[in-house]
Every structure is written in structure tokens, then in C-alpha cells.
Amino acid sequence: MNSYDAYGWLADAEIPGRTTDAPVPQHEVKAVGQSYPNFTGVEWVLATYSAPPAPPGPTNAELNAQILAEIKALEESNQPRAMREASLGDTAGLTMLDNKVKALRAKFKW
């Protein structure tokens, strides 16, 4: 049994649900630009190998959840405001941070 990945390329290891008994043609090692077996759903063909695209980044919903979690953590900080100001070294920085939090809350209606 030979396995193929999500893009049809011959896999290095068996992938459950992606196996076939079709004979694999003679081929070289997997390298970009070289001929490598690709499964068409019926047979293996030699095709010019190209690396799969990079996995997608986080979705907007995941980013929004992360932003909201960071806002909540800032607002629920146990550190008193005076200590936060002192640790920042100036109150202008904290004011800018507060304004960013307010803007994000308004943007995400939270």
C-alpha cells in the first residue's frame, strides 16, 4: 500500500484513508522541480514536484479572541494603576495604552 498526502504526492509514511494499491512509478527523491509521483485518484503519474503552500495563519475570529483576551487581562490586572504607571516610567504611555484598550473595545463592541 502506498499513501498520498492532501496534494496527491507520494507520502513518506502511511496515512489512513489515503492509500492505494496502484503501482508507483520509478522516481528520484522528493525535491522541488524534480519529477515525483502524484496520485490522480486513479493512477500515479510523474509530475514536477512543488512544495505545498504554507499553512494558513490564524483566522480573524482567532485573532479577535486573542485581542479580547489581552484586553481582558490588562483590565483585570491585579497590579494597581500607580504601579503600572511607575513600571512604564511615564503616565503618557499608560494613557496611550488605555486609549488603545478603549479603541479596541469599541471596535469589537466589547
PDB file of N, CA and C in Angstrom:
ATOM      1  N   MET A   1       0.846  -1.184   0.000  1.00  0.00           N
ATOM      2  CA  MET A   1       0.000   0.000   0.000  1.00  0.00           C
ATOM      3  C   MET A   1       0.886   1.240   0.000  1.00  0.00           C
ATOM      4  N   ASN A   2       0.498   2.210  -0.791  1.00  0.00           N
ATOM      5  CA  ASN A   2       1.208   3.486  -0.829  1.00  0.00           C
ATOM      6  C   ASN A   2       0.234   4.596  -0.447  1.00  0.00           C
ATOM      7  N   SER A   3       0.726   5.572   0.266  1.00  0.00           N
ATOM      8  CA  SER A   3      -0.106   6.690   0.710  1.00  0.00           C
ATOM      9  C   SER A   3       0.247   7.953  -0.040  1.00  0.00           C
ATOM     10  N   TYR A   4      -0.704   8.843  -0.107  1.00  0.00           N
ATOM     11  CA  TYR A   4      -0.504  10.153  -0.723  1.00  0.00           C
ATOM     12  C   TYR A   4      -0.994  11.230   0.241  1.00  0.00           C
ATOM     13  N   ASP A   5      -0.378  12.406   0.166  1.00  0.00           N
ATOM     14  CA  ASP A   5      -0.757  13.488   1.074  1.00  0.00           C
ATOM     15  C   ASP A   5      -1.972  14.243   0.519  1.00  0.00           C
ATOM     16  N   ALA A   6      -2.329  15.344   1.160  1.00  0.00           N
ATOM     17  CA  ALA A   6      -3.505  16.121   0.766  1.00  0.00           C
ATOM     18  C   ALA A   6      -3.375  16.720  -0.630  1.00  0.00           C
ATOM     19  N   TYR A   7      -2.174  16.747  -1.172  1.00  0.00           N
ATOM     20  CA  TYR A   7      -1.953  17.305  -2.507  1.00  0.00           C
ATOM     21  C   TYR A   7      -1.674  16.220  -3.545  1.00  0.00           C
ATOM     22  N   GLY A   8      -1.807  14.954  -3.140  1.00  0.00           N
ATOM     23  CA  GLY A   8      -1.621  13.840  -4.057  1.00  0.00           C
ATOM     24  C   GLY A   8      -0.207  13.304  -4.139  1.00  0.00           C
ATOM     25  N   TRP A   9       0.744  13.954  -3.480  1.00  0.00           N
ATOM     26  CA  TRP A   9       2.142  13.498  -3.557  1.00  0.00           C
ATOM     27  C   TRP A   9       2.331  12.239  -2.736  1.00  0.00           C
ATOM     28  N   LEU A  10       3.190  11.371  -3.237  1.00  0.00           N
ATOM     29  CA  LEU A  10       3.537  10.148  -2.524  1.00  0.00           C
ATOM     30  C   LEU A  10       4.047  10.513  -1.134  1.00  0.00           C
ATOM     31  N   ALA A  11       3.447   9.914  -0.108  1.00  0.00           N
ATOM     32  CA  ALA A  11       3.812  10.222   1.279  1.00  0.00           C
ATOM     33  C   ALA A  11       4.930   9.298   1.754  1.00  0.00           C
ATOM     34  N   ASP A  12       5.723   9.809   2.684  1.00  0.00           N
ATOM     35  CA  ASP A  12       6.827   9.033   3.251  1.00  0.00           C
ATOM     36  C   ASP A  12       6.334   7.968   4.217  1.00  0.00           C
ATOM     37  N   ALA A  13       5.159   8.201   4.804  1.00  0.00           N
ATOM     38  CA  ALA A  13       4.595   7.267   5.776  1.00  0.00           C
ATOM     39  C   ALA A  13       3.136   7.004   5.411  1.00  0.00           C
ATOM     40  N   GLU A  14       2.590   5.901   5.908  1.00  0.00           N
ATOM     41  CA  GLU A  14       1.198   5.577   5.602  1.00  0.00           C
ATOM     42  C   GLU A  14       0.265   6.574   6.268  1.00  0.00           C
ATOM     43  N   ILE A  15      -0.720   7.036   5.503  1.00  0.00           N
ATOM     44  CA  ILE A  15      -1.723   7.971   6.003  1.00  0.00           C
ATOM     45  C   ILE A  15      -3.072   7.266   5.899  1.00  0.00           C
ATOM     46  N   PRO A  16      -3.719   6.975   7.037  1.00  0.00           N
ATOM     47  CA  PRO A  16      -5.012   6.276   6.996  1.00  0.00           C
ATOM     48  C   PRO A  16      -6.017   7.026   6.118  1.00  0.00           C
ATOM     49  N   GLY A  17      -6.718   6.267   5.275  1.00  0.00           N
ATOM     50  CA  GLY A  17      -7.718   6.855   4.400  1.00  0.00           C
ATOM     51  C   GLY A  17      -7.140   7.434   3.117  1.00  0.00           C
ATOM     52  N   ARG A  18      -5.829   7.409   2.979  1.00  0.00           N
ATOM     53  CA  ARG A  18      -5.165   7.935   1.775  1.00  0.00           C
ATOM     54  C   ARG A  18      -4.170   6.895   1.259  1.00  0.00           C
ATOM     55  N   THR A  19      -4.691   5.707   0.995  1.00  0.00           N
ATOM     56  CA  THR A  19      -3.820   4.642   0.496  1.00  0.00           C
ATOM     57  C   THR A  19      -4.362   4.094  -0.808  1.00  0.00           C
ATOM     58  N   THR A  20      -3.475   3.495  -1.585  1.00  0.00           N
ATOM     59  CA  THR A  20      -3.860   2.868  -2.847  1.00  0.00           C
ATOM     60  C   THR A  20      -2.919   1.705  -3.146  1.00  0.00           C
ATOM     61  N   ASP A  21      -3.454   0.755  -3.892  1.00  0.00           N
ATOM     62  CA  ASP A  21      -2.637  -0.383  -4.335  1.00  0.00           C
ATOM     63  C   ASP A  21      -2.020  -0.126  -5.700  1.00  0.00           C
ATOM     64  N   ALA A  22      -2.347   0.984  -6.333  1.00  0.00           N
ATOM     65  CA  ALA A  22      -1.822   1.285  -7.669  1.00  0.00           C
ATOM     66  C   ALA A  22      -0.294   1.328  -7.614  1.00  0.00           C
ATOM     67  N   PRO A  23       0.369   0.751  -8.613  1.00  0.00           N
ATOM     68  CA  PRO A  23       1.832   0.729  -8.603  1.00  0.00           C
ATOM     69  C   PRO A  23       2.418   2.135  -8.776  1.00  0.00           C
ATOM     70  N   VAL A  24       3.466   2.395  -8.007  1.00  0.00           N
ATOM     71  CA  VAL A  24       4.148   3.696  -8.043  1.00  0.00           C
ATOM     72  C   VAL A  24       5.251   3.641  -9.088  1.00  0.00           C
ATOM     73  N   PRO A  25       5.324   4.651  -9.977  1.00  0.00           N
ATOM     74  CA  PRO A  25       6.390   4.648 -10.985  1.00  0.00           C
ATOM     75  C   PRO A  25       7.760   4.887 -10.361  1.00  0.00           C
ATOM     76  N   GLN A  26       8.807   4.477 -11.059  1.00  0.00           N
ATOM     77  CA  GLN A  26      10.176   4.733 -10.599  1.00  0.00           C
ATOM     78  C   GLN A  26      10.361   6.241 -10.465  1.00  0.00           C
ATOM     79  N   HIS A  27      11.045   6.638  -9.427  1.00  0.00           N
ATOM     80  CA  HIS A  27      11.218   8.068  -9.197  1.00  0.00           C
ATOM     81  C   HIS A  27      12.483   8.340  -8.404  1.00  0.00           C
ATOM     82  N   GLU A  28      12.888   9.601  -8.412  1.00  0.00           N
ATOM     83  CA  GLU A  28      14.036  10.057  -7.618  1.00  0.00           C
ATOM     84  C   GLU A  28      13.527  10.510  -6.253  1.00  0.00           C
ATOM     85  N   VAL A  29      14.400  11.092  -5.466  1.00  0.00           N
ATOM     86  CA  VAL A  29      13.998  11.622  -4.164  1.00  0.00           C
ATOM     87  C   VAL A  29      13.121  12.856  -4.376  1.00  0.00           C
ATOM     88  N   LYS A  30      12.300  13.157  -3.389  1.00  0.00           N
ATOM     89  CA  LYS A  30      11.411  14.312  -3.477  1.00  0.00           C
ATOM     90  C   LYS A  30      12.228  15.597  -3.388  1.00  0.00           C
ATOM     91  N   ALA A  31      12.178  16.407  -4.447  1.00  0.00           N
ATOM     92  CA  ALA A  31      12.874  17.693  -4.472  1.00  0.00           C
ATOM     93  C   ALA A  31      12.089  18.635  -5.376  1.00  0.00           C
ATOM     94  N   VAL A  32      11.964  19.878  -4.956  1.00  0.00           N
ATOM     95  CA  VAL A  32      11.232  20.875  -5.734  1.00  0.00           C
ATOM     96  C   VAL A  32      11.808  20.952  -7.139  1.00  0.00           C
ATOM     97  N   GLY A  33      10.922  20.899  -8.129  1.00  0.00           N
ATOM     98  CA  GLY A  33      11.332  20.993  -9.525  1.00  0.00           C
ATOM     99  C   GLY A  33      11.666  19.656 -10.170  1.00  0.00           C
ATOM    100  N   GLN A  34      11.723  18.580  -9.389  1.00  0.00           N
ATOM    101  CA  GLN A  34      12.040  17.248  -9.919  1.00  0.00           C
ATOM    102  C   GLN A  34      10.759  16.435 -10.082  1.00  0.00           C
ATOM    103  N   SER A  35      10.806  15.430 -10.948  1.00  0.00           N
ATOM    104  CA  SER A  35       9.654  14.547 -11.140  1.00  0.00           C
ATOM    105  C   SER A  35       9.443  13.704  -9.891  1.00  0.00           C
ATOM    106  N   TYR A  36       8.186  13.604  -9.463  1.00  0.00           N
ATOM    107  CA  TYR A  36       7.850  12.838  -8.265  1.00  0.00           C
ATOM    108  C   TYR A  36       6.422  12.307  -8.428  1.00  0.00           C
ATOM    109  N   PRO A  37       6.139  11.125  -7.900  1.00  0.00           N
ATOM    110  CA  PRO A  37       4.808  10.537  -8.063  1.00  0.00           C
ATOM    111  C   PRO A  37       3.692  11.370  -7.416  1.00  0.00           C
ATOM    112  N   ASN A  38       2.611  11.554  -8.192  1.00  0.00           N
ATOM    113  CA  ASN A  38       1.426  12.247  -7.716  1.00  0.00           C
ATOM    114  C   ASN A  38       0.233  11.382  -8.092  1.00  0.00           C
ATOM    115  N   PHE A  39      -0.642  11.151  -7.128  1.00  0.00           N
ATOM    116  CA  PHE A  39      -1.792  10.269  -7.346  1.00  0.00           C
ATOM    117  C   PHE A  39      -2.962  11.077  -7.887  1.00  0.00           C
ATOM    118  N   THR A  40      -3.516  10.643  -9.015  1.00  0.00           N
ATOM    119  CA  THR A  40      -4.624  11.358  -9.664  1.00  0.00           C
ATOM    120  C   THR A  40      -5.982  10.943  -9.121  1.00  0.00           C
ATOM    121  N   GLY A  41      -6.004   9.932  -8.301  1.00  0.00           N
ATOM    122  CA  GLY A  41      -7.254   9.354  -7.833  1.00  0.00           C
ATOM    123  C   GLY A  41      -7.512   8.020  -8.505  1.00  0.00           C
ATOM    124  N   VAL A  42      -6.773   7.784  -9.598  1.00  0.00           N
ATOM    125  CA  VAL A  42      -6.890   6.533 -10.334  1.00  0.00           C
ATOM    126  C   VAL A  42      -5.530   5.874 -10.483  1.00  0.00           C
ATOM    127  N   GLU A  43      -4.523   6.698 -10.783  1.00  0.00           N
ATOM    128  CA  GLU A  43      -3.182   6.168 -11.009  1.00  0.00           C
ATOM    129  C   GLU A  43      -2.132   7.180 -10.539  1.00  0.00           C
ATOM    130  N   TRP A  44      -0.908   6.679 -10.421  1.00  0.00           N
ATOM    131  CA  TRP A  44       0.230   7.545 -10.106  1.00  0.00           C
ATOM    132  C   TRP A  44       0.794   8.087 -11.413  1.00  0.00           C
ATOM    133  N   VAL A  45       1.123   9.376 -11.419  1.00  0.00           N
ATOM    134  CA  VAL A  45       1.800   9.978 -12.565  1.00  0.00           C
ATOM    135  C   VAL A  45       3.030  10.707 -12.048  1.00  0.00           C
ATOM    136  N   LEU A  46       4.012  10.852 -12.900  1.00  0.00           N
ATOM    137  CA  LEU A  46       5.175  11.646 -12.515  1.00  0.00           C
ATOM    138  C   LEU A  46       4.870  13.101 -12.859  1.00  0.00           C
ATOM    139  N   ALA A  47       4.965  13.952 -11.864  1.00  0.00           N
ATOM    140  CA  ALA A  47       4.697  15.380 -12.052  1.00  0.00           C
ATOM    141  C   ALA A  47       5.845  16.163 -11.432  1.00  0.00           C
ATOM    142  N   THR A  48       6.005  17.401 -11.857  1.00  0.00           N
ATOM    143  CA  THR A  48       7.054  18.252 -11.292  1.00  0.00           C
ATOM    144  C   THR A  48       6.639  18.644  -9.879  1.00  0.00           C
ATOM    145  N   TYR A  49       7.450  18.217  -8.912  1.00  0.00           N
ATOM    146  CA  TYR A  49       7.108  18.451  -7.509  1.00  0.00           C
ATOM    147  C   TYR A  49       7.222  19.929  -7.149  1.00  0.00           C
ATOM    148  N   SER A  50       6.221  20.389  -6.426  1.00  0.00           N
ATOM    149  CA  SER A  50       6.259  21.729  -5.836  1.00  0.00           C
ATOM    150  C   SER A  50       5.829  21.581  -4.386  1.00  0.00           C
ATOM    151  N   ALA A  51       6.483  22.316  -3.533  1.00  0.00           N
ATOM    152  CA  ALA A  51       6.180  22.224  -2.104  1.00  0.00           C
ATOM    153  C   ALA A  51       4.762  22.721  -1.842  1.00  0.00           C
ATOM    154  N   PRO A  52       4.061  22.104  -0.903  1.00  0.00           N
ATOM    155  CA  PRO A  52       2.718  22.568  -0.557  1.00  0.00           C
ATOM    156  C   PRO A  52       2.777  24.004  -0.025  1.00  0.00           C
ATOM    157  N   PRO A  53       1.692  24.759  -0.156  1.00  0.00           N
ATOM    158  CA  PRO A  53       1.681  26.119   0.371  1.00  0.00           C
ATOM    159  C   PRO A  53       1.819  26.112   1.883  1.00  0.00           C
ATOM    160  N   ALA A  54       2.278  27.222   2.412  1.00  0.00           N
ATOM    161  CA  ALA A  54       2.401  27.353   3.869  1.00  0.00           C
ATOM    162  C   ALA A  54       1.011  27.243   4.494  1.00  0.00           C
ATOM    163  N   PRO A  55       0.936  26.669   5.688  1.00  0.00           N
ATOM    164  CA  PRO A  55      -0.373  26.565   6.325  1.00  0.00           C
ATOM    165  C   PRO A  55      -0.938  27.961   6.577  1.00  0.00           C
ATOM    166  N   PRO A  56      -2.251  28.094   6.551  1.00  0.00           N
ATOM    167  CA  PRO A  56      -2.853  29.408   6.762  1.00  0.00           C
ATOM    168  C   PRO A  56      -2.605  29.903   8.180  1.00  0.00           C
ATOM    169  N   GLY A  57      -2.563  31.198   8.316  1.00  0.00           N
ATOM    170  CA  GLY A  57      -2.395  31.806   9.637  1.00  0.00           C
ATOM    171  C   GLY A  57      -3.707  31.756  10.400  1.00  0.00           C
ATOM    172  N   PRO A  58      -3.719  32.377  11.554  1.00  0.00           N
ATOM    173  CA  PRO A  58      -4.945  32.357  12.352  1.00  0.00           C
ATOM    174  C   PRO A  58      -6.085  33.090  11.634  1.00  0.00           C
ATOM    175  N   THR A  59      -7.304  32.654  11.900  1.00  0.00           N
ATOM    176  CA  THR A  59      -8.480  33.294  11.306  1.00  0.00           C
ATOM    177  C   THR A  59      -8.757  34.612  12.019  1.00  0.00           C
ATOM    178  N   ASN A  60      -9.587  35.429  11.420  1.00  0.00           N
ATOM    179  CA  ASN A  60      -9.970  36.691  12.056  1.00  0.00           C
ATOM    180  C   ASN A  60     -10.628  36.438  13.405  1.00  0.00           C
ATOM    181  N   ALA A  61     -11.448  35.404  13.476  1.00  0.00           N
ATOM    182  CA  ALA A  61     -12.111  35.087  14.746  1.00  0.00           C
ATOM    183  C   ALA A  61     -11.079  34.730  15.819  1.00  0.00           C
ATOM    184  N   GLU A  62     -10.044  33.973  15.435  1.00  0.00           N
ATOM    185  CA  GLU A  62      -8.996  33.612  16.400  1.00  0.00           C
ATOM    186  C   GLU A  62      -8.214  34.847  16.831  1.00  0.00           C
ATOM    187  N   LEU A  63      -7.924  35.732  15.874  1.00  0.00           N
ATOM    188  CA  LEU A  63      -7.211  36.970  16.224  1.00  0.00           C
ATOM    189  C   LEU A  63      -8.064  37.843  17.135  1.00  0.00           C
ATOM    190  N   ASN A  64      -9.352  37.962  16.819  1.00  0.00           N
ATOM    191  CA  ASN A  64     -10.248  38.759  17.661  1.00  0.00           C
ATOM    192  C   ASN A  64     -10.302  38.201  19.080  1.00  0.00           C
ATOM    193  N   ALA A  65     -10.384  36.884  19.198  1.00  0.00           N
ATOM    194  CA  ALA A  65     -10.425  36.256  20.523  1.00  0.00           C
ATOM    195  C   ALA A  65      -9.139  36.531  21.292  1.00  0.00           C
ATOM    196  N   GLN A  66      -8.010  36.491  20.590  1.00  0.00           N
ATOM    197  CA  GLN A  66      -6.729  36.773  21.234  1.00  0.00           C
ATOM    198  C   GLN A  66      -6.670  38.221  21.704  1.00  0.00           C
ATOM    199  N   ILE A  67      -7.114  39.148  20.863  1.00  0.00           N
ATOM    200  CA  ILE A  67      -7.105  40.568  21.233  1.00  0.00           C
ATOM    201  C   ILE A  67      -7.999  40.804  22.438  1.00  0.00           C
ATOM    202  N   LEU A  68      -9.198  40.212  22.402  1.00  0.00           N
ATOM    203  CA  LEU A  68     -10.124  40.391  23.525  1.00  0.00           C
ATOM    204  C   LEU A  68      -9.560  39.798  24.816  1.00  0.00           C
ATOM    205  N   ALA A  69      -8.873  38.676  24.710  1.00  0.00           N
ATOM    206  CA  ALA A  69      -8.261  38.069  25.897  1.00  0.00           C
ATOM    207  C   ALA A  69      -7.168  38.972  26.462  1.00  0.00           C
ATOM    208  N   GLU A  70      -6.387  39.598  25.579  1.00  0.00           N
ATOM    209  CA  GLU A  70      -5.343  40.509  26.040  1.00  0.00           C
ATOM    210  C   GLU A  70      -5.937  41.749  26.694  1.00  0.00           C
ATOM    211  N   ILE A  71      -7.024  42.260  26.134  1.00  0.00           N
ATOM    212  CA  ILE A  71      -7.704  43.415  26.731  1.00  0.00           C
ATOM    213  C   ILE A  71      -8.216  43.051  28.117  1.00  0.00           C
ATOM    214  N   LYS A  72      -8.856  41.908  28.212  1.00  0.00           N
ATOM    215  CA  LYS A  72      -9.406  41.470  29.495  1.00  0.00           C
ATOM    216  C   LYS A  72      -8.296  41.304  30.534  1.00  0.00           C
ATOM    217  N   ALA A  73      -7.178  40.729  30.108  1.00  0.00           N
ATOM    218  CA  ALA A  73      -6.050  40.538  31.032  1.00  0.00           C
ATOM    219  C   ALA A  73      -5.519  41.885  31.516  1.00  0.00           C
ATOM    220  N   LEU A  74      -5.448  42.865  30.622  1.00  0.00           N
ATOM    221  CA  LEU A  74      -4.994  44.200  31.024  1.00  0.00           C
ATOM    222  C   LEU A  74      -5.958  44.824  32.023  1.00  0.00           C
ATOM    223  N   GLU A  75      -7.241  44.686  31.738  1.00  0.00           N
ATOM    224  CA  GLU A  75      -8.246  45.299  32.604  1.00  0.00           C
ATOM    225  C   GLU A  75      -8.358  44.597  33.953  1.00  0.00           C
ATOM    226  N   GLU A  76      -8.083  43.303  33.971  1.00  0.00           N
ATOM    227  CA  GLU A  76      -8.207  42.545  35.216  1.00  0.00           C
ATOM    228  C   GLU A  76      -6.888  42.422  35.971  1.00  0.00           C
ATOM    229  N   SER A  77      -5.895  43.132  35.518  1.00  0.00           N
ATOM    230  CA  SER A  77      -4.592  43.062  36.167  1.00  0.00           C
ATOM    231  C   SER A  77      -4.718  43.402  37.639  1.00  0.00           C
ATOM    232  N   ASN A  78      -4.068  42.619  38.467  1.00  0.00           N
ATOM    233  CA  ASN A  78      -4.097  42.863  39.909  1.00  0.00           C
ATOM    234  C   ASN A  78      -3.155  43.983  40.325  1.00  0.00           C
ATOM    235  N   GLN A  79      -2.336  44.418  39.398  1.00  0.00           N
ATOM    236  CA  GLN A  79      -1.375  45.473  39.696  1.00  0.00           C
ATOM    237  C   GLN A  79      -2.103  46.817  39.753  1.00  0.00           C
ATOM    238  N   PRO A  80      -1.966  47.562  40.863  1.00  0.00           N
ATOM    239  CA  PRO A  80      -2.619  48.863  40.957  1.00  0.00           C
ATOM    240  C   PRO A  80      -2.152  49.804  39.850  1.00  0.00           C
ATOM    241  N   ARG A  81      -3.024  50.733  39.475  1.00  0.00           N
ATOM    242  CA  ARG A  81      -2.733  51.653  38.383  1.00  0.00           C
ATOM    243  C   ARG A  81      -1.438  52.422  38.625  1.00  0.00           C
ATOM    244  N   ALA A  82      -1.204  52.880  39.850  1.00  0.00           N
ATOM    245  CA  ALA A  82       0.008  53.650  40.153  1.00  0.00           C
ATOM    246  C   ALA A  82       1.257  52.810  39.892  1.00  0.00           C
ATOM    247  N   MET A  83       1.193  51.511  40.218  1.00  0.00           N
ATOM    248  CA  MET A  83       2.346  50.644  39.994  1.00  0.00           C
ATOM    249  C   MET A  83       2.559  50.428  38.497  1.00  0.00           C
ATOM    250  N   ARG A  84       1.458  50.296  37.747  1.00  0.00           N
ATOM    251  CA  ARG A  84       1.588  50.135  36.300  1.00  0.00           C
ATOM    252  C   ARG A  84       2.221  51.379  35.693  1.00  0.00           C
ATOM    253  N   GLU A  85       1.791  52.562  36.165  1.00  0.00           N
ATOM    254  CA  GLU A  85       2.366  53.805  35.666  1.00  0.00           C
ATOM    255  C   GLU A  85       3.854  53.875  35.978  1.00  0.00           C
ATOM    256  N   ALA A  86       4.212  53.504  37.216  1.00  0.00           N
ATOM    257  CA  ALA A  86       5.615  53.564  37.618  1.00  0.00           C
ATOM    258  C   ALA A  86       6.460  52.584  36.811  1.00  0.00           C
ATOM    259  N   SER A  87       5.910  51.405  36.544  1.00  0.00           N
ATOM    260  CA  SER A  87       6.681  50.414  35.798  1.00  0.00           C
ATOM    261  C   SER A  87       6.878  50.847  34.342  1.00  0.00           C
ATOM    262  N   LEU A  88       5.951  51.648  33.821  1.00  0.00           N
ATOM    263  CA  LEU A  88       6.098  52.150  32.466  1.00  0.00           C
ATOM    264  C   LEU A  88       7.053  53.335  32.404  1.00  0.00           C
ATOM    265  N   GLY A  89       7.239  53.988  33.522  1.00  0.00           N
ATOM    266  CA  GLY A  89       8.170  55.113  33.560  1.00  0.00           C
ATOM    267  C   GLY A  89       7.531  56.445  33.238  1.00  0.00           C
ATOM    268  N   ASP A  90       6.348  56.435  32.682  1.00  0.00           N
ATOM    269  CA  ASP A  90       5.646  57.695  32.429  1.00  0.00           C
ATOM    270  C   ASP A  90       4.157  57.419  32.303  1.00  0.00           C
ATOM    271  N   THR A  91       3.370  58.412  32.619  1.00  0.00           N
ATOM    272  CA  THR A  91       1.919  58.238  32.557  1.00  0.00           C
ATOM    273  C   THR A  91       1.405  58.353  31.130  1.00  0.00           C
ATOM    274  N   ALA A  92       2.162  59.002  30.250  1.00  0.00           N
ATOM    275  CA  ALA A  92       1.725  59.132  28.862  1.00  0.00           C
ATOM    276  C   ALA A  92       1.596  57.754  28.217  1.00  0.00           C
ATOM    277  N   GLY A  93       2.531  56.884  28.525  1.00  0.00           N
ATOM    278  CA  GLY A  93       2.483  55.534  27.971  1.00  0.00           C
ATOM    279  C   GLY A  93       1.241  54.792  28.412  1.00  0.00           C
ATOM    280  N   LEU A  94       0.878  54.945  29.682  1.00  0.00           N
ATOM    281  CA  LEU A  94      -0.311  54.277  30.188  1.00  0.00           C
ATOM    282  C   LEU A  94      -1.563  54.885  29.574  1.00  0.00           C
ATOM    283  N   THR A  95      -1.566  56.189  29.407  1.00  0.00           N
ATOM    284  CA  THR A  95      -2.716  56.844  28.782  1.00  0.00           C
ATOM    285  C   THR A  95      -2.892  56.325  27.356  1.00  0.00           C
ATOM    286  N   MET A  96      -1.784  56.177  26.623  1.00  0.00           N
ATOM    287  CA  MET A  96      -1.871  55.641  25.269  1.00  0.00           C
ATOM    288  C   MET A  96      -2.408  54.210  25.293  1.00  0.00           C
ATOM    289  N   LEU A  97      -1.955  53.423  26.284  1.00  0.00           N
ATOM    290  CA  LEU A  97      -2.420  52.051  26.416  1.00  0.00           C
ATOM    291  C   LEU A  97      -3.913  52.033  26.716  1.00  0.00           C
ATOM    292  N   ASP A  98      -4.344  52.893  27.633  1.00  0.00           N
ATOM    293  CA  ASP A  98      -5.769  52.978  27.962  1.00  0.00           C
ATOM    294  C   ASP A  98      -6.583  53.350  26.726  1.00  0.00           C
ATOM    295  N   ASN A  99      -6.074  54.291  25.937  1.00  0.00           N
ATOM    296  CA  ASN A  99      -6.778  54.704  24.729  1.00  0.00           C
ATOM    297  C   ASN A  99      -6.855  53.560  23.724  1.00  0.00           C
ATOM    298  N   LYS A 100      -5.780  52.760  23.621  1.00  0.00           N
ATOM    299  CA  LYS A 100      -5.799  51.611  22.719  1.00  0.00           C
ATOM    300  C   LYS A 100      -6.836  50.589  23.170  1.00  0.00           C
ATOM    301  N   VAL A 101      -6.885  50.340  24.475  1.00  0.00           N
ATOM    302  CA  VAL A 101      -7.863  49.398  25.017  1.00  0.00           C
ATOM    303  C   VAL A 101      -9.274  49.890  24.710  1.00  0.00           C
ATOM    304  N   LYS A 102      -9.522  51.189  24.932  1.00  0.00           N
ATOM    305  CA  LYS A 102     -10.852  51.746  24.665  1.00  0.00           C
ATOM    306  C   LYS A 102     -11.200  51.631  23.182  1.00  0.00           C
ATOM    307  N   ALA A 103     -10.223  51.911  22.319  1.00  0.00           N
ATOM    308  CA  ALA A 103     -10.474  51.816  20.881  1.00  0.00           C
ATOM    309  C   ALA A 103     -10.754  50.389  20.453  1.00  0.00           C
ATOM    310  N   LEU A 104      -9.999  49.421  21.015  1.00  0.00           N
ATOM    311  CA  LEU A 104     -10.243  48.016  20.676  1.00  0.00           C
ATOM    312  C   LEU A 104     -11.596  47.551  21.183  1.00  0.00           C
ATOM    313  N   ARG A 105     -11.962  48.008  22.390  1.00  0.00           N
ATOM    314  CA  ARG A 105     -13.270  47.625  22.936  1.00  0.00           C
ATOM    315  C   ARG A 105     -14.383  48.151  22.053  1.00  0.00           C
ATOM    316  N   ALA A 106     -14.232  49.398  21.593  1.00  0.00           N
ATOM    317  CA  ALA A 106     -15.250  49.992  20.723  1.00  0.00           C
ATOM    318  C   ALA A 106     -15.300  49.260  19.386  1.00  0.00           C
ATOM    319  N   LYS A 107     -14.142  48.963  18.833  1.00  0.00           N
ATOM    320  CA  LYS A 107     -14.078  48.285  17.546  1.00  0.00           C
ATOM    321  C   LYS A 107     -14.755  46.925  17.587  1.00  0.00           C
ATOM    322  N   PHE A 108     -14.512  46.182  18.663  1.00  0.00           N
ATOM    323  CA  PHE A 108     -15.054  44.836  18.770  1.00  0.00           C
ATOM    324  C   PHE A 108     -16.350  44.797  19.564  1.00  0.00           C
ATOM    325  N   LYS A 109     -16.866  45.989  19.917  1.00  0.00           N
ATOM    326  CA  LYS A 109     -18.129  46.107  20.651  1.00  0.00           C
ATOM    327  C   LYS A 109     -18.153  45.209  21.880  1.00  0.00           C
ATOM    328  N   TRP A 110     -17.116  45.337  22.664  1.00  0.00           N
ATOM    329  CA  TRP A 110     -16.979  44.504  23.865  1.00  0.00           C
ATOM    330  C   TRP A 110     -16.853  45.345  25.084  1.00  0.00           C
TER     331      TRP A 110
END
